[in-house]
C-alpha cells in the first residue's frame, strides 16, 4: 500500500494481493482518521458482496472470482469501539460488462486500487441498533 496526504485528503494505492478493507482500516488507524468518506476504482479477482436481509437480520453474501473492474467504490469511515469502521458499497463489472453491486465484505486487489479518503475533523461513532440489527450512526 502506498499513500500521500494532502490537506484533508489521503490518496491511496493498493497493489496485487492486498485485501482492501484490511489495508484501508490499517491506514485509518495509522493516520488516526476517525471520520471521513472514501471513493475509489480498481480491479479485483476475489470479492465478497452482499445485501442485508431485513427479515433474518443477516447479510446474504456472494463471492465472485475472476477478473472484475471496480467501477465504483463509495463509503464512509466512522468509529466503533475506538476502532475505524468502514461501511463500503461497491459496483463491479465482469468481462461481459455486466455489473453487480452490493455491500462490500472483502476484496483482494488483482491489479491496483486507487482511492481518495476525505478526512472529517470530528468523531462519529456507531452503535448496534436492536431493531434493525445494524451498527448505525450515532448522531448526537
N, C-alpha and C. Protein backbone atom coordinates (compact mmCIF):
# COMPACT_ATOMS: atom_id res chain seq x y z
N UNK A 1 0.85 -1.18 0.00
CA UNK A 1 0.00 0.00 0.00
C UNK A 1 0.89 1.23 0.00
N UNK A 2 0.47 2.21 -0.77
CA UNK A 2 1.17 3.49 -0.85
C UNK A 2 0.14 4.59 -0.65
N UNK A 3 0.55 5.68 0.01
CA UNK A 3 -0.40 6.78 0.20
C UNK A 3 0.34 8.11 0.35
N UNK A 4 -0.42 9.17 0.13
CA UNK A 4 0.09 10.53 0.30
C UNK A 4 -1.07 11.37 0.81
N UNK A 5 -0.82 12.13 1.88
CA UNK A 5 -1.84 13.00 2.43
C UNK A 5 -1.57 14.42 1.98
N UNK A 6 -2.61 15.07 1.48
CA UNK A 6 -2.56 16.47 1.05
C UNK A 6 -3.74 17.17 1.69
N UNK A 7 -3.48 18.03 2.66
CA UNK A 7 -4.56 18.70 3.36
C UNK A 7 -5.45 17.70 4.06
N UNK A 8 -6.74 17.76 3.78
CA UNK A 8 -7.70 16.86 4.42
C UNK A 8 -8.01 15.62 3.58
N UNK A 9 -7.15 15.32 2.62
CA UNK A 9 -7.38 14.16 1.76
C UNK A 9 -6.15 13.26 1.75
N UNK A 10 -6.40 11.97 1.69
CA UNK A 10 -5.32 11.00 1.54
C UNK A 10 -5.59 10.20 0.27
N UNK A 11 -4.62 10.20 -0.62
CA UNK A 11 -4.70 9.42 -1.85
C UNK A 11 -3.99 8.11 -1.56
N UNK A 12 -4.62 6.99 -1.90
CA UNK A 12 -4.07 5.68 -1.56
C UNK A 12 -4.06 4.77 -2.79
N UNK A 13 -3.01 3.95 -2.86
CA UNK A 13 -2.94 2.93 -3.92
C UNK A 13 -2.64 1.59 -3.28
N UNK A 14 -3.42 0.59 -3.64
CA UNK A 14 -3.16 -0.77 -3.20
C UNK A 14 -2.63 -1.57 -4.37
N UNK A 15 -1.84 -2.58 -4.05
CA UNK A 15 -1.19 -3.41 -5.05
C UNK A 15 -1.79 -4.82 -5.06
N UNK A 16 -1.39 -5.65 -6.04
CA UNK A 16 -1.94 -7.00 -6.12
C UNK A 16 -1.79 -7.80 -4.82
N UNK A 17 -2.82 -8.58 -4.54
CA UNK A 17 -2.91 -9.48 -3.38
C UNK A 17 -3.15 -8.77 -2.06
N UNK A 18 -3.35 -7.46 -2.07
CA UNK A 18 -3.68 -6.76 -0.83
C UNK A 18 -5.20 -6.77 -0.66
N UNK A 19 -5.64 -7.00 0.58
CA UNK A 19 -7.08 -7.02 0.85
C UNK A 19 -7.52 -5.60 1.20
N UNK A 20 -8.50 -5.11 0.48
CA UNK A 20 -8.92 -3.71 0.51
C UNK A 20 -9.35 -3.23 1.90
N UNK A 21 -10.29 -3.91 2.53
CA UNK A 21 -10.81 -3.43 3.81
C UNK A 21 -9.73 -3.48 4.89
N UNK A 22 -8.97 -4.55 4.89
CA UNK A 22 -7.88 -4.70 5.87
C UNK A 22 -6.88 -3.55 5.75
N UNK A 23 -6.45 -3.25 4.53
CA UNK A 23 -5.44 -2.20 4.32
C UNK A 23 -5.99 -0.81 4.61
N UNK A 24 -7.23 -0.54 4.18
CA UNK A 24 -7.81 0.77 4.44
C UNK A 24 -8.06 0.99 5.93
N UNK A 25 -8.48 -0.05 6.63
CA UNK A 25 -8.69 0.05 8.08
C UNK A 25 -7.35 0.32 8.77
N UNK A 26 -6.32 -0.38 8.36
CA UNK A 26 -4.98 -0.18 8.92
C UNK A 26 -4.49 1.25 8.68
N UNK A 27 -4.74 1.77 7.47
CA UNK A 27 -4.33 3.13 7.14
C UNK A 27 -5.07 4.14 8.02
N UNK A 28 -6.38 3.95 8.17
CA UNK A 28 -7.16 4.86 9.02
C UNK A 28 -6.65 4.82 10.46
N UNK A 29 -6.29 3.66 10.93
CA UNK A 29 -5.72 3.51 12.26
C UNK A 29 -4.41 4.28 12.38
N UNK A 30 -3.52 4.06 11.41
CA UNK A 30 -2.20 4.71 11.43
C UNK A 30 -2.30 6.23 11.37
N UNK A 31 -3.21 6.73 10.53
CA UNK A 31 -3.34 8.18 10.34
C UNK A 31 -4.35 8.81 11.31
N UNK A 32 -4.93 7.98 12.18
CA UNK A 32 -5.91 8.45 13.16
C UNK A 32 -7.12 9.12 12.50
N UNK A 33 -7.56 8.53 11.37
CA UNK A 33 -8.76 9.01 10.69
C UNK A 33 -9.96 8.36 11.38
N UNK A 34 -10.77 9.17 12.06
CA UNK A 34 -11.91 8.64 12.80
C UNK A 34 -13.22 8.83 12.05
N UNK A 35 -13.25 9.79 11.14
CA UNK A 35 -14.47 10.06 10.38
C UNK A 35 -14.06 10.55 8.99
N UNK A 36 -14.78 10.08 7.97
CA UNK A 36 -14.47 10.53 6.63
C UNK A 36 -15.29 9.78 5.60
N UNK A 37 -14.93 10.01 4.35
CA UNK A 37 -15.56 9.31 3.24
C UNK A 37 -14.47 8.79 2.32
N UNK A 38 -14.83 7.78 1.53
CA UNK A 38 -13.86 7.20 0.61
C UNK A 38 -14.53 6.88 -0.72
N UNK A 39 -13.79 7.11 -1.78
CA UNK A 39 -14.21 6.71 -3.13
C UNK A 39 -13.03 6.03 -3.78
N UNK A 40 -13.30 5.19 -4.79
CA UNK A 40 -12.19 4.55 -5.46
C UNK A 40 -12.60 3.72 -6.65
N UNK A 41 -11.56 3.31 -7.40
CA UNK A 41 -11.70 2.45 -8.57
C UNK A 41 -10.53 1.47 -8.57
N UNK A 42 -10.63 0.41 -9.37
CA UNK A 42 -9.52 -0.53 -9.45
C UNK A 42 -9.95 -1.86 -10.04
N UNK A 43 -9.33 -2.94 -9.55
CA UNK A 43 -9.63 -4.27 -10.07
C UNK A 43 -9.44 -5.31 -8.97
N UNK A 44 -10.29 -6.34 -9.00
CA UNK A 44 -10.23 -7.43 -8.03
C UNK A 44 -10.51 -8.75 -8.74
N UNK A 45 -10.00 -9.83 -8.16
CA UNK A 45 -10.32 -11.16 -8.69
C UNK A 45 -10.87 -12.08 -7.62
N UNK A 46 -11.15 -11.51 -6.45
CA UNK A 46 -11.73 -12.27 -5.35
C UNK A 46 -12.46 -11.27 -4.46
N UNK A 47 -13.78 -11.24 -4.55
CA UNK A 47 -14.56 -10.22 -3.86
C UNK A 47 -15.82 -10.84 -3.28
N UNK A 48 -16.18 -10.39 -2.09
CA UNK A 48 -17.42 -10.85 -1.46
C UNK A 48 -18.32 -9.64 -1.22
N UNK A 49 -19.53 -9.73 -1.79
CA UNK A 49 -20.51 -8.65 -1.65
C UNK A 49 -21.79 -9.24 -1.08
N UNK A 50 -22.63 -8.38 -0.57
CA UNK A 50 -23.87 -8.89 0.00
C UNK A 50 -24.97 -7.86 0.01
N UNK A 51 -26.11 -8.34 0.45
CA UNK A 51 -27.27 -7.48 0.65
C UNK A 51 -27.86 -7.87 2.00
N UNK A 52 -28.35 -6.89 2.73
CA UNK A 52 -28.87 -7.13 4.06
C UNK A 52 -30.30 -7.64 4.00
N UNK A 53 -30.53 -8.79 4.61
CA UNK A 53 -31.87 -9.38 4.69
C UNK A 53 -32.53 -8.84 5.95
N UNK A 54 -33.56 -8.03 5.77
CA UNK A 54 -34.21 -7.37 6.91
C UNK A 54 -35.03 -8.34 7.76
N UNK A 55 -35.37 -9.49 7.22
CA UNK A 55 -36.12 -10.48 8.00
C UNK A 55 -35.20 -11.26 8.93
N UNK A 56 -34.11 -11.79 8.37
CA UNK A 56 -33.18 -12.60 9.17
C UNK A 56 -32.13 -11.75 9.87
N UNK A 57 -32.03 -10.47 9.48
CA UNK A 57 -31.04 -9.55 10.03
C UNK A 57 -29.60 -10.07 9.84
N UNK A 58 -29.36 -10.60 8.64
CA UNK A 58 -28.04 -11.09 8.26
C UNK A 58 -27.76 -10.66 6.82
N UNK A 59 -26.47 -10.63 6.49
CA UNK A 59 -26.10 -10.34 5.11
C UNK A 59 -26.14 -11.63 4.30
N UNK A 60 -26.75 -11.57 3.13
CA UNK A 60 -26.72 -12.66 2.18
C UNK A 60 -25.55 -12.35 1.25
N UNK A 61 -24.49 -13.13 1.38
CA UNK A 61 -23.25 -12.81 0.67
C UNK A 61 -22.99 -13.73 -0.50
N UNK A 62 -22.23 -13.19 -1.45
CA UNK A 62 -21.84 -13.94 -2.64
C UNK A 62 -20.38 -13.60 -2.91
N UNK A 63 -19.57 -14.64 -3.15
CA UNK A 63 -18.16 -14.44 -3.51
C UNK A 63 -18.00 -14.60 -5.01
N UNK A 64 -17.34 -13.64 -5.62
CA UNK A 64 -17.08 -13.65 -7.06
C UNK A 64 -15.58 -13.80 -7.27
N UNK A 65 -15.21 -14.67 -8.21
CA UNK A 65 -13.80 -14.82 -8.56
C UNK A 65 -13.65 -14.53 -10.05
N UNK A 66 -12.42 -14.33 -10.46
CA UNK A 66 -12.15 -13.94 -11.85
C UNK A 66 -12.05 -12.43 -11.94
N UNK A 67 -11.65 -11.95 -13.10
CA UNK A 67 -11.40 -10.53 -13.29
C UNK A 67 -12.67 -9.69 -13.19
N UNK A 68 -12.61 -8.69 -12.33
CA UNK A 68 -13.70 -7.72 -12.16
C UNK A 68 -13.10 -6.33 -11.99
N UNK A 69 -13.62 -5.39 -12.75
CA UNK A 69 -13.26 -3.99 -12.55
C UNK A 69 -14.07 -3.44 -11.39
N UNK A 70 -13.42 -2.69 -10.53
CA UNK A 70 -14.13 -1.93 -9.50
C UNK A 70 -14.47 -0.60 -10.18
N UNK A 71 -15.69 -0.49 -10.66
CA UNK A 71 -16.08 0.72 -11.38
C UNK A 71 -16.48 1.84 -10.43
N UNK A 72 -16.86 1.47 -9.21
CA UNK A 72 -17.17 2.49 -8.20
C UNK A 72 -17.14 1.86 -6.81
N UNK A 73 -16.38 2.46 -5.93
CA UNK A 73 -16.41 2.11 -4.52
C UNK A 73 -16.72 3.40 -3.79
N UNK A 74 -17.67 3.35 -2.89
CA UNK A 74 -18.06 4.53 -2.12
C UNK A 74 -18.39 4.08 -0.70
N UNK A 75 -18.06 4.92 0.25
CA UNK A 75 -18.39 4.55 1.61
C UNK A 75 -18.00 5.61 2.60
N UNK A 76 -18.23 5.26 3.88
CA UNK A 76 -17.87 6.19 4.93
C UNK A 76 -17.00 5.51 5.97
N UNK A 77 -16.32 6.35 6.72
CA UNK A 77 -15.43 5.90 7.79
C UNK A 77 -15.95 6.52 9.07
N UNK A 78 -16.23 5.68 10.05
CA UNK A 78 -16.64 6.13 11.37
C UNK A 78 -15.85 5.30 12.38
N UNK A 79 -16.25 5.34 13.64
CA UNK A 79 -15.58 4.56 14.66
C UNK A 79 -16.59 3.73 15.43
N UNK A 80 -16.15 2.54 15.85
CA UNK A 80 -16.96 1.71 16.74
C UNK A 80 -16.00 1.03 17.69
N UNK A 81 -16.24 1.17 18.97
CA UNK A 81 -15.35 0.61 19.99
C UNK A 81 -13.91 1.11 19.81
N UNK A 82 -13.77 2.40 19.50
CA UNK A 82 -12.47 3.05 19.30
C UNK A 82 -11.64 2.45 18.17
N UNK A 83 -12.32 1.84 17.21
CA UNK A 83 -11.66 1.24 16.05
C UNK A 83 -12.29 1.80 14.78
N UNK A 84 -11.48 2.05 13.72
CA UNK A 84 -12.09 2.50 12.47
C UNK A 84 -13.11 1.49 11.96
N UNK A 85 -14.24 2.02 11.50
CA UNK A 85 -15.34 1.20 10.99
C UNK A 85 -15.64 1.68 9.58
N UNK A 86 -15.35 0.83 8.59
CA UNK A 86 -15.60 1.19 7.20
C UNK A 86 -16.89 0.56 6.72
N UNK A 87 -17.78 1.38 6.19
CA UNK A 87 -19.03 0.92 5.59
C UNK A 87 -18.92 1.22 4.10
N UNK A 88 -18.72 0.16 3.30
CA UNK A 88 -18.40 0.33 1.89
C UNK A 88 -19.40 -0.39 0.99
N UNK A 89 -19.74 0.26 -0.11
CA UNK A 89 -20.54 -0.36 -1.17
C UNK A 89 -19.71 -0.32 -2.44
N UNK A 90 -19.95 -1.29 -3.31
CA UNK A 90 -19.11 -1.44 -4.49
C UNK A 90 -19.96 -1.82 -5.70
N UNK A 91 -19.55 -1.33 -6.86
CA UNK A 91 -20.11 -1.77 -8.13
C UNK A 91 -18.97 -2.37 -8.93
N UNK A 92 -19.21 -3.57 -9.46
CA UNK A 92 -18.20 -4.32 -10.20
C UNK A 92 -18.69 -4.61 -11.60
N UNK A 93 -17.76 -4.80 -12.52
CA UNK A 93 -18.09 -5.14 -13.90
C UNK A 93 -17.24 -6.33 -14.31
N UNK A 94 -17.88 -7.34 -14.93
CA UNK A 94 -17.13 -8.52 -15.36
C UNK A 94 -16.69 -8.38 -16.82
N UNK A 95 -16.12 -9.45 -17.37
CA UNK A 95 -15.58 -9.41 -18.74
C UNK A 95 -16.65 -9.22 -19.81
N UNK A 96 -17.92 -9.43 -19.45
CA UNK A 96 -19.02 -9.20 -20.38
C UNK A 96 -19.67 -7.84 -20.15
N UNK A 97 -19.01 -7.02 -19.35
CA UNK A 97 -19.51 -5.69 -18.99
C UNK A 97 -20.84 -5.74 -18.26
N UNK A 98 -21.07 -6.84 -17.53
CA UNK A 98 -22.26 -6.95 -16.70
C UNK A 98 -21.91 -6.49 -15.30
N UNK A 99 -22.74 -5.64 -14.75
CA UNK A 99 -22.46 -5.05 -13.44
C UNK A 99 -23.20 -5.77 -12.33
N UNK A 100 -22.59 -5.77 -11.17
CA UNK A 100 -23.18 -6.30 -9.95
C UNK A 100 -22.70 -5.38 -8.82
N UNK A 101 -23.53 -5.23 -7.80
CA UNK A 101 -23.12 -4.34 -6.72
C UNK A 101 -23.69 -4.81 -5.39
N UNK A 102 -23.18 -4.24 -4.33
CA UNK A 102 -23.68 -4.56 -3.01
C UNK A 102 -22.75 -4.06 -1.92
N UNK A 103 -23.05 -4.49 -0.70
CA UNK A 103 -22.24 -4.16 0.47
C UNK A 103 -20.94 -4.96 0.38
N UNK A 104 -19.80 -4.29 0.53
CA UNK A 104 -18.51 -4.96 0.39
C UNK A 104 -18.07 -5.59 1.71
N UNK A 105 -17.75 -6.89 1.66
CA UNK A 105 -17.23 -7.60 2.82
C UNK A 105 -15.75 -7.92 2.67
N UNK A 106 -15.30 -8.10 1.43
CA UNK A 106 -13.90 -8.46 1.17
C UNK A 106 -13.59 -8.20 -0.30
N UNK A 107 -12.37 -7.73 -0.57
CA UNK A 107 -11.92 -7.59 -1.96
C UNK A 107 -10.40 -7.70 -1.99
N UNK A 108 -9.91 -8.70 -2.69
CA UNK A 108 -8.48 -8.86 -2.88
C UNK A 108 -8.13 -8.19 -4.20
N UNK A 109 -7.20 -7.26 -4.16
CA UNK A 109 -6.84 -6.49 -5.35
C UNK A 109 -6.05 -7.37 -6.31
N UNK A 110 -6.41 -7.31 -7.59
CA UNK A 110 -5.73 -8.11 -8.61
C UNK A 110 -4.70 -7.29 -9.40
N UNK A 111 -4.96 -6.02 -9.61
CA UNK A 111 -4.04 -5.17 -10.36
C UNK A 111 -3.68 -3.94 -9.52
N UNK A 112 -4.69 -3.12 -9.23
CA UNK A 112 -4.47 -1.92 -8.41
C UNK A 112 -5.81 -1.44 -7.87
N UNK A 113 -5.74 -0.63 -6.85
CA UNK A 113 -6.88 0.13 -6.35
C UNK A 113 -6.39 1.54 -6.12
N UNK A 114 -7.16 2.51 -6.58
CA UNK A 114 -6.84 3.93 -6.38
C UNK A 114 -8.00 4.57 -5.66
N UNK A 115 -7.72 5.15 -4.50
CA UNK A 115 -8.80 5.72 -3.72
C UNK A 115 -8.43 7.07 -3.13
N UNK A 116 -9.46 7.79 -2.74
CA UNK A 116 -9.28 9.08 -2.07
C UNK A 116 -10.12 9.06 -0.80
N UNK A 117 -9.44 9.28 0.33
CA UNK A 117 -10.12 9.39 1.61
C UNK A 117 -10.21 10.87 1.94
N UNK A 118 -11.41 11.32 2.24
CA UNK A 118 -11.65 12.71 2.65
C UNK A 118 -11.85 12.70 4.17
N UNK A 119 -10.91 13.28 4.91
CA UNK A 119 -10.95 13.29 6.37
C UNK A 119 -11.94 14.35 6.85
N UNK A 120 -12.67 14.02 7.90
CA UNK A 120 -13.55 14.97 8.57
C UNK A 120 -13.04 15.12 9.99
N UNK A 121 -12.79 16.33 10.41
CA UNK A 121 -12.21 16.59 11.73
C UNK A 121 -13.26 16.52 12.83
N UNK A 122 -13.71 15.33 13.11
CA UNK A 122 -14.66 15.08 14.18
C UNK A 122 -14.70 13.57 14.37
N UNK A 123 -15.46 13.11 15.32
CA UNK A 123 -15.60 11.67 15.51
C UNK A 123 -17.08 11.32 15.51
N UNK A 124 -17.46 10.48 14.58
CA UNK A 124 -18.81 9.93 14.54
C UNK A 124 -18.66 8.45 14.87
N UNK A 125 -19.47 7.99 15.82
CA UNK A 125 -19.39 6.60 16.24
C UNK A 125 -20.62 5.83 15.79
N UNK A 126 -20.58 4.52 16.01
CA UNK A 126 -21.68 3.63 15.66
C UNK A 126 -22.08 2.82 16.89
N UNK A 127 -23.35 2.42 16.87
CA UNK A 127 -23.88 1.60 17.95
C UNK A 127 -24.85 0.59 17.36
N UNK A 128 -24.81 -0.62 17.89
CA UNK A 128 -25.71 -1.68 17.42
C UNK A 128 -27.15 -1.29 17.73
N UNK A 129 -27.99 -1.31 16.70
CA UNK A 129 -29.40 -0.98 16.84
C UNK A 129 -30.19 -2.27 17.03
N UNK A 130 -30.94 -2.39 18.13
CA UNK A 130 -31.66 -3.64 18.39
C UNK A 130 -32.81 -3.91 17.41
N UNK A 131 -33.32 -2.88 16.80
CA UNK A 131 -34.45 -3.06 15.87
C UNK A 131 -33.99 -3.59 14.52
N UNK A 132 -32.98 -2.94 13.94
CA UNK A 132 -32.51 -3.35 12.61
C UNK A 132 -31.43 -4.41 12.66
N UNK A 133 -30.70 -4.48 13.78
CA UNK A 133 -29.57 -5.40 13.88
C UNK A 133 -28.30 -4.84 13.27
N UNK A 134 -28.35 -3.60 12.82
CA UNK A 134 -27.20 -2.97 12.17
C UNK A 134 -26.46 -2.04 13.13
N UNK A 135 -25.21 -1.77 12.81
CA UNK A 135 -24.41 -0.79 13.55
C UNK A 135 -24.68 0.57 12.92
N UNK A 136 -25.56 1.36 13.56
CA UNK A 136 -26.00 2.62 12.98
C UNK A 136 -25.20 3.81 13.51
N UNK A 137 -25.18 4.87 12.72
CA UNK A 137 -24.50 6.11 13.12
C UNK A 137 -25.14 6.67 14.38
N UNK A 138 -24.29 7.13 15.29
CA UNK A 138 -24.76 7.86 16.47
C UNK A 138 -24.54 9.34 16.18
N UNK A 139 -25.62 10.05 15.95
CA UNK A 139 -25.54 11.47 15.62
C UNK A 139 -26.18 12.25 16.77
N UNK A 140 -25.33 12.75 17.63
CA UNK A 140 -25.80 13.46 18.82
C UNK A 140 -25.63 14.95 18.64
